[in-house]
Each structure stands twice: as C-alpha cells, then as structure tokens.
Amino acid sequence: MLRKNLIHQAILNRMPVNIHLISGETYCVVCMDYEKPEMFIIITGTASVAVFYWAIKRGYIYK
C-alpha cells in the first residue's frame, strides 16, 4: 500500500507530510506510529488525531 509506505517513510525520517483525507480535509502534519497497525497519528499545531490509513486520498512528503 503506497499510502502506508509514504507515512512510514515520513515517520522514520521525521518529515512533515501533506495529506488529503477522503473527507476533504487537507493537512501538513508530522506523523507518529499508533498502537493499532491500521492507524497512525497526525500531529497538527493544535491537536493530535489517530487516522486510518485507508482515510488518505493522497499525500506526499513535504520538502
């Protein structure tokens, strides 16, 4: 799964990632692993939220 690989690469390199969720929201966030393998955590400037990998419509590492 390309989306999961993208998030894992961003987590390992501690790089921000731009993600567009299927709900229409777009974020530039830092990601962390989550205790459930089907989810990850996005950290915004004001909150942290657990998100399912399948909820990502598209994403790319912010350079």
PDB file of N, CA and C in Angstrom:
ATOM      1  N   MET A   1       0.848  -1.185   0.000  1.00  0.00           N
ATOM      2  CA  MET A   1       0.000   0.000   0.000  1.00  0.00           C
ATOM      3  C   MET A   1       0.888   1.241   0.000  1.00  0.00           C
ATOM      4  N   LEU A   2       0.761   2.028  -1.042  1.00  0.00           N
ATOM      5  CA  LEU A   2       1.592   3.208  -1.227  1.00  0.00           C
ATOM      6  C   LEU A   2       1.411   4.231  -0.111  1.00  0.00           C
ATOM      7  N   ARG A   3       0.190   4.455   0.316  1.00  0.00           N
ATOM      8  CA  ARG A   3      -0.068   5.452   1.363  1.00  0.00           C
ATOM      9  C   ARG A   3       0.613   5.066   2.664  1.00  0.00           C
ATOM     10  N   LYS A   4       0.549   3.798   3.016  1.00  0.00           N
ATOM     11  CA  LYS A   4       1.161   3.337   4.257  1.00  0.00           C
ATOM     12  C   LYS A   4       2.682   3.483   4.178  1.00  0.00           C
ATOM     13  N   ASN A   5       3.267   3.164   3.032  1.00  0.00           N
ATOM     14  CA  ASN A   5       4.710   3.323   2.848  1.00  0.00           C
ATOM     15  C   ASN A   5       5.121   4.789   2.958  1.00  0.00           C
ATOM     16  N   LEU A   6       4.324   5.677   2.403  1.00  0.00           N
ATOM     17  CA  LEU A   6       4.596   7.112   2.485  1.00  0.00           C
ATOM     18  C   LEU A   6       4.622   7.578   3.938  1.00  0.00           C
ATOM     19  N   ILE A   7       3.635   7.161   4.711  1.00  0.00           N
ATOM     20  CA  ILE A   7       3.559   7.572   6.114  1.00  0.00           C
ATOM     21  C   ILE A   7       4.722   6.989   6.906  1.00  0.00           C
ATOM     22  N   HIS A   8       5.050   5.718   6.671  1.00  0.00           N
ATOM     23  CA  HIS A   8       6.173   5.110   7.394  1.00  0.00           C
ATOM     24  C   HIS A   8       7.490   5.808   7.063  1.00  0.00           C
ATOM     25  N   GLN A   9       7.684   6.184   5.815  1.00  0.00           N
ATOM     26  CA  GLN A   9       8.886   6.917   5.430  1.00  0.00           C
ATOM     27  C   GLN A   9       8.934   8.266   6.151  1.00  0.00           C
ATOM     28  N   ALA A  10       7.811   8.955   6.215  1.00  0.00           N
ATOM     29  CA  ALA A  10       7.748  10.247   6.905  1.00  0.00           C
ATOM     30  C   ALA A  10       8.013  10.086   8.403  1.00  0.00           C
ATOM     31  N   ILE A  11       7.495   9.014   9.005  1.00  0.00           N
ATOM     32  CA  ILE A  11       7.721   8.765  10.431  1.00  0.00           C
ATOM     33  C   ILE A  11       9.196   8.499  10.689  1.00  0.00           C
ATOM     34  N   LEU A  12       9.800   7.621   9.893  1.00  0.00           N
ATOM     35  CA  LEU A  12      11.209   7.264  10.088  1.00  0.00           C
ATOM     36  C   LEU A  12      12.138   8.455   9.916  1.00  0.00           C
ATOM     37  N   ASN A  13      11.826   9.328   8.957  1.00  0.00           N
ATOM     38  CA  ASN A  13      12.685  10.481   8.673  1.00  0.00           C
ATOM     39  C   ASN A  13      12.245  11.751   9.391  1.00  0.00           C
ATOM     40  N   ARG A  14      11.167  11.650  10.170  1.00  0.00           N
ATOM     41  CA  ARG A  14      10.620  12.803  10.906  1.00  0.00           C
ATOM     42  C   ARG A  14      10.390  13.998   9.992  1.00  0.00           C
ATOM     43  N   MET A  15       9.771  13.706   8.864  1.00  0.00           N
ATOM     44  CA  MET A  15       9.498  14.737   7.868  1.00  0.00           C
ATOM     45  C   MET A  15       8.011  15.063   7.852  1.00  0.00           C
ATOM     46  N   PRO A  16       7.662  16.330   7.639  1.00  0.00           N
ATOM     47  CA  PRO A  16       6.244  16.670   7.508  1.00  0.00           C
ATOM     48  C   PRO A  16       5.681  16.091   6.218  1.00  0.00           C
ATOM     49  N   VAL A  17       4.410  15.798   6.243  1.00  0.00           N
ATOM     50  CA  VAL A  17       3.744  15.221   5.080  1.00  0.00           C
ATOM     51  C   VAL A  17       2.438  15.978   4.833  1.00  0.00           C
ATOM     52  N   ASN A  18       2.137  16.222   3.572  1.00  0.00           N
ATOM     53  CA  ASN A  18       0.844  16.801   3.190  1.00  0.00           C
ATOM     54  C   ASN A  18      -0.088  15.646   2.898  1.00  0.00           C
ATOM     55  N   ILE A  19      -1.219  15.616   3.571  1.00  0.00           N
ATOM     56  CA  ILE A  19      -2.191  14.565   3.304  1.00  0.00           C
ATOM     57  C   ILE A  19      -3.555  15.175   3.029  1.00  0.00           C
ATOM     58  N   HIS A  20      -4.256  14.558   2.092  1.00  0.00           N
ATOM     59  CA  HIS A  20      -5.622  14.947   1.751  1.00  0.00           C
ATOM     60  C   HIS A  20      -6.481  13.748   2.102  1.00  0.00           C
ATOM     61  N   LEU A  21      -7.377  13.928   3.053  1.00  0.00           N
ATOM     62  CA  LEU A  21      -8.228  12.837   3.506  1.00  0.00           C
ATOM     63  C   LEU A  21      -9.456  12.702   2.615  1.00  0.00           C
ATOM     64  N   ILE A  22     -10.061  11.515   2.624  1.00  0.00           N
ATOM     65  CA  ILE A  22     -11.255  11.295   1.805  1.00  0.00           C
ATOM     66  C   ILE A  22     -12.421  12.173   2.258  1.00  0.00           C
ATOM     67  N   SER A  23     -12.345  12.683   3.483  1.00  0.00           N
ATOM     68  CA  SER A  23     -13.389  13.585   3.988  1.00  0.00           C
ATOM     69  C   SER A  23     -13.270  14.991   3.402  1.00  0.00           C
ATOM     70  N   GLY A  24     -12.155  15.259   2.688  1.00  0.00           N
ATOM     71  CA  GLY A  24     -11.956  16.560   2.062  1.00  0.00           C
ATOM     72  C   GLY A  24     -10.967  17.449   2.787  1.00  0.00           C
ATOM     73  N   GLU A  25     -10.583  17.075   3.993  1.00  0.00           N
ATOM     74  CA  GLU A  25      -9.643  17.888   4.765  1.00  0.00           C
ATOM     75  C   GLU A  25      -8.219  17.681   4.254  1.00  0.00           C
ATOM     76  N   THR A  26      -7.433  18.745   4.303  1.00  0.00           N
ATOM     77  CA  THR A  26      -6.030  18.689   3.901  1.00  0.00           C
ATOM     78  C   THR A  26      -5.181  19.193   5.054  1.00  0.00           C
ATOM     79  N   TYR A  27      -4.089  18.481   5.325  1.00  0.00           N
ATOM     80  CA  TYR A  27      -3.215  18.835   6.437  1.00  0.00           C
ATOM     81  C   TYR A  27      -1.757  18.748   6.019  1.00  0.00           C
ATOM     82  N   CYS A  28      -0.931  19.603   6.598  1.00  0.00           N
ATOM     83  CA  CYS A  28       0.517  19.446   6.575  1.00  0.00           C
ATOM     84  C   CYS A  28       0.881  19.096   8.007  1.00  0.00           C
ATOM     85  N   VAL A  29       1.292  17.855   8.227  1.00  0.00           N
ATOM     86  CA  VAL A  29       1.430  17.332   9.582  1.00  0.00           C
ATOM     87  C   VAL A  29       2.712  16.528   9.747  1.00  0.00           C
ATOM     88  N   VAL A  30       3.036  16.261  10.995  1.00  0.00           N
ATOM     89  CA  VAL A  30       4.052  15.282  11.355  1.00  0.00           C
ATOM     90  C   VAL A  30       3.283  14.057  11.827  1.00  0.00           C
ATOM     91  N   CYS A  31       3.771  12.878  11.484  1.00  0.00           N
ATOM     92  CA  CYS A  31       3.061  11.642  11.818  1.00  0.00           C
ATOM     93  C   CYS A  31       3.843  10.809  12.823  1.00  0.00           C
ATOM     94  N   MET A  32       3.118  10.010  13.570  1.00  0.00           N
ATOM     95  CA  MET A  32       3.712   9.078  14.528  1.00  0.00           C
ATOM     96  C   MET A  32       3.006   7.735  14.401  1.00  0.00           C
ATOM     97  N   ASP A  33       3.717   6.679  14.814  1.00  0.00           N
ATOM     98  CA  ASP A  33       3.087   5.361  14.866  1.00  0.00           C
ATOM     99  C   ASP A  33       1.988   5.359  15.910  1.00  0.00           C
ATOM    100  N   TYR A  34       1.038   4.457  15.731  1.00  0.00           N
ATOM    101  CA  TYR A  34      -0.060   4.285  16.668  1.00  0.00           C
ATOM    102  C   TYR A  34      -0.060   2.839  17.113  1.00  0.00           C
ATOM    103  N   GLU A  35      -0.643   2.569  18.262  1.00  0.00           N
ATOM    104  CA  GLU A  35      -0.642   1.208  18.801  1.00  0.00           C
ATOM    105  C   GLU A  35      -1.405   0.213  17.933  1.00  0.00           C
ATOM    106  N   LYS A  36      -2.360   0.687  17.147  1.00  0.00           N
ATOM    107  CA  LYS A  36      -3.098  -0.180  16.226  1.00  0.00           C
ATOM    108  C   LYS A  36      -2.439  -0.096  14.848  1.00  0.00           C
ATOM    109  N   PRO A  37      -2.097  -1.225  14.240  1.00  0.00           N
ATOM    110  CA  PRO A  37      -1.357  -1.195  12.973  1.00  0.00           C
ATOM    111  C   PRO A  37      -2.118  -0.590  11.798  1.00  0.00           C
ATOM    112  N   GLU A  38      -3.435  -0.505  11.879  1.00  0.00           N
ATOM    113  CA  GLU A  38      -4.209   0.048  10.765  1.00  0.00           C
ATOM    114  C   GLU A  38      -4.379   1.565  10.863  1.00  0.00           C
ATOM    115  N   MET A  39      -3.755   2.179  11.883  1.00  0.00           N
ATOM    116  CA  MET A  39      -3.893   3.619  12.102  1.00  0.00           C
ATOM    117  C   MET A  39      -2.534   4.269  12.337  1.00  0.00           C
ATOM    118  N   PHE A  40      -2.497   5.589  12.230  1.00  0.00           N
ATOM    119  CA  PHE A  40      -1.325   6.381  12.585  1.00  0.00           C
ATOM    120  C   PHE A  40      -1.824   7.683  13.202  1.00  0.00           C
ATOM    121  N   ILE A  41      -0.925   8.430  13.809  1.00  0.00           N
ATOM    122  CA  ILE A  41      -1.293   9.690  14.463  1.00  0.00           C
ATOM    123  C   ILE A  41      -0.794  10.849  13.620  1.00  0.00           C
ATOM    124  N   ILE A  42      -1.665  11.837  13.398  1.00  0.00           N
ATOM    125  CA  ILE A  42      -1.230  13.085  12.773  1.00  0.00           C
ATOM    126  C   ILE A  42      -1.156  14.146  13.864  1.00  0.00           C
ATOM    127  N   ILE A  43      -0.083  14.919  13.828  1.00  0.00           N
ATOM    128  CA  ILE A  43       0.122  15.976  14.817  1.00  0.00           C
ATOM    129  C   ILE A  43       0.082  17.311  14.088  1.00  0.00           C
ATOM    130  N   THR A  44      -0.935  18.099  14.400  1.00  0.00           N
ATOM    131  CA  THR A  44      -1.062  19.436  13.827  1.00  0.00           C
ATOM    132  C   THR A  44      -0.507  20.426  14.850  1.00  0.00           C
ATOM    133  N   GLY A  45      -0.624  21.690  14.564  1.00  0.00           N
ATOM    134  CA  GLY A  45      -0.152  22.696  15.502  1.00  0.00           C
ATOM    135  C   GLY A  45      -0.960  22.757  16.786  1.00  0.00           C
ATOM    136  N   THR A  46      -2.192  22.252  16.760  1.00  0.00           N
ATOM    137  CA  THR A  46      -3.068  22.375  17.927  1.00  0.00           C
ATOM    138  C   THR A  46      -3.597  21.059  18.473  1.00  0.00           C
ATOM    139  N   ALA A  47      -3.422  19.956  17.745  1.00  0.00           N
ATOM    140  CA  ALA A  47      -4.017  18.687  18.196  1.00  0.00           C
ATOM    141  C   ALA A  47      -3.271  17.494  17.617  1.00  0.00           C
ATOM    142  N   SER A  48      -3.552  16.332  18.167  1.00  0.00           N
ATOM    143  CA  SER A  48      -3.087  15.080  17.576  1.00  0.00           C
ATOM    144  C   SER A  48      -4.292  14.154  17.451  1.00  0.00           C
ATOM    145  N   VAL A  49      -4.382  13.488  16.300  1.00  0.00           N
ATOM    146  CA  VAL A  49      -5.555  12.680  15.976  1.00  0.00           C
ATOM    147  C   VAL A  49      -5.106  11.362  15.361  1.00  0.00           C
ATOM    148  N   ALA A  50      -5.743  10.263  15.767  1.00  0.00           N
ATOM    149  CA  ALA A  50      -5.488   8.962  15.148  1.00  0.00           C
ATOM    150  C   ALA A  50      -6.330   8.851  13.878  1.00  0.00           C
ATOM    151  N   VAL A  51      -5.695   8.404  12.792  1.00  0.00           N
ATOM    152  CA  VAL A  51      -6.341   8.328  11.481  1.00  0.00           C
ATOM    153  C   VAL A  51      -6.090   6.945  10.877  1.00  0.00           C
ATOM    154  N   PHE A  52      -7.092   6.390  10.208  1.00  0.00           N
ATOM    155  CA  PHE A  52      -6.913   5.137   9.476  1.00  0.00           C
ATOM    156  C   PHE A  52      -6.125   5.398   8.197  1.00  0.00           C
ATOM    157  N   TYR A  53      -5.257   4.455   7.828  1.00  0.00           N
ATOM    158  CA  TYR A  53      -4.511   4.595   6.576  1.00  0.00           C
ATOM    159  C   TYR A  53      -5.451   4.699   5.377  1.00  0.00           C
ATOM    160  N   TRP A  54      -6.563   3.968   5.398  1.00  0.00           N
ATOM    161  CA  TRP A  54      -7.476   3.984   4.256  1.00  0.00           C
ATOM    162  C   TRP A  54      -8.158   5.337   4.085  1.00  0.00           C
ATOM    163  N   ALA A  55      -8.081   6.214   5.092  1.00  0.00           N
ATOM    164  CA  ALA A  55      -8.726   7.526   5.011  1.00  0.00           C
ATOM    165  C   ALA A  55      -7.928   8.532   4.183  1.00  0.00           C
ATOM    166  N   ILE A  56      -6.717   8.158   3.759  1.00  0.00           N
ATOM    167  CA  ILE A  56      -5.890   9.064   2.961  1.00  0.00           C
ATOM    168  C   ILE A  56      -6.282   8.942   1.492  1.00  0.00           C
ATOM    169  N   LYS A  57      -6.676  10.049   0.913  1.00  0.00           N
ATOM    170  CA  LYS A  57      -6.985  10.069  -0.521  1.00  0.00           C
ATOM    171  C   LYS A  57      -5.694  10.200  -1.318  1.00  0.00           C
ATOM    172  N   ARG A  58      -4.828  11.114  -0.887  1.00  0.00           N
ATOM    173  CA  ARG A  58      -3.500  11.263  -1.498  1.00  0.00           C
ATOM    174  C   ARG A  58      -2.590  11.972  -0.510  1.00  0.00           C
ATOM    175  N   GLY A  59      -1.308  11.882  -0.755  1.00  0.00           N
ATOM    176  CA  GLY A  59      -0.359  12.523   0.136  1.00  0.00           C
ATOM    177  C   GLY A  59       1.028  12.551  -0.469  1.00  0.00           C
ATOM    178  N   TYR A  60       1.856  13.430   0.045  1.00  0.00           N
ATOM    179  CA  TYR A  60       3.253  13.480  -0.370  1.00  0.00           C
ATOM    180  C   TYR A  60       4.080  14.084   0.749  1.00  0.00           C
ATOM    181  N   ILE A  61       5.358  13.725   0.758  1.00  0.00           N
ATOM    182  CA  ILE A  61       6.270  14.252   1.771  1.00  0.00           C
ATOM    183  C   ILE A  61       6.588  15.692   1.420  1.00  0.00           C
ATOM    184  N   TYR A  62       6.457  16.560   2.394  1.00  0.00           N
ATOM    185  CA  TYR A  62       6.687  17.994   2.219  1.00  0.00           C
ATOM    186  C   TYR A  62       8.181  18.254   2.260  1.00  0.00           C
ATOM    187  N   LYS A  63       8.711  18.864   1.215  1.00  0.00           N
ATOM    188  CA  LYS A  63      10.159  19.124   1.151  1.00  0.00           C
ATOM    189  C   LYS A  63      10.435  20.598   1.134  1.00  0.00           C
TER     190      LYS A  63
END
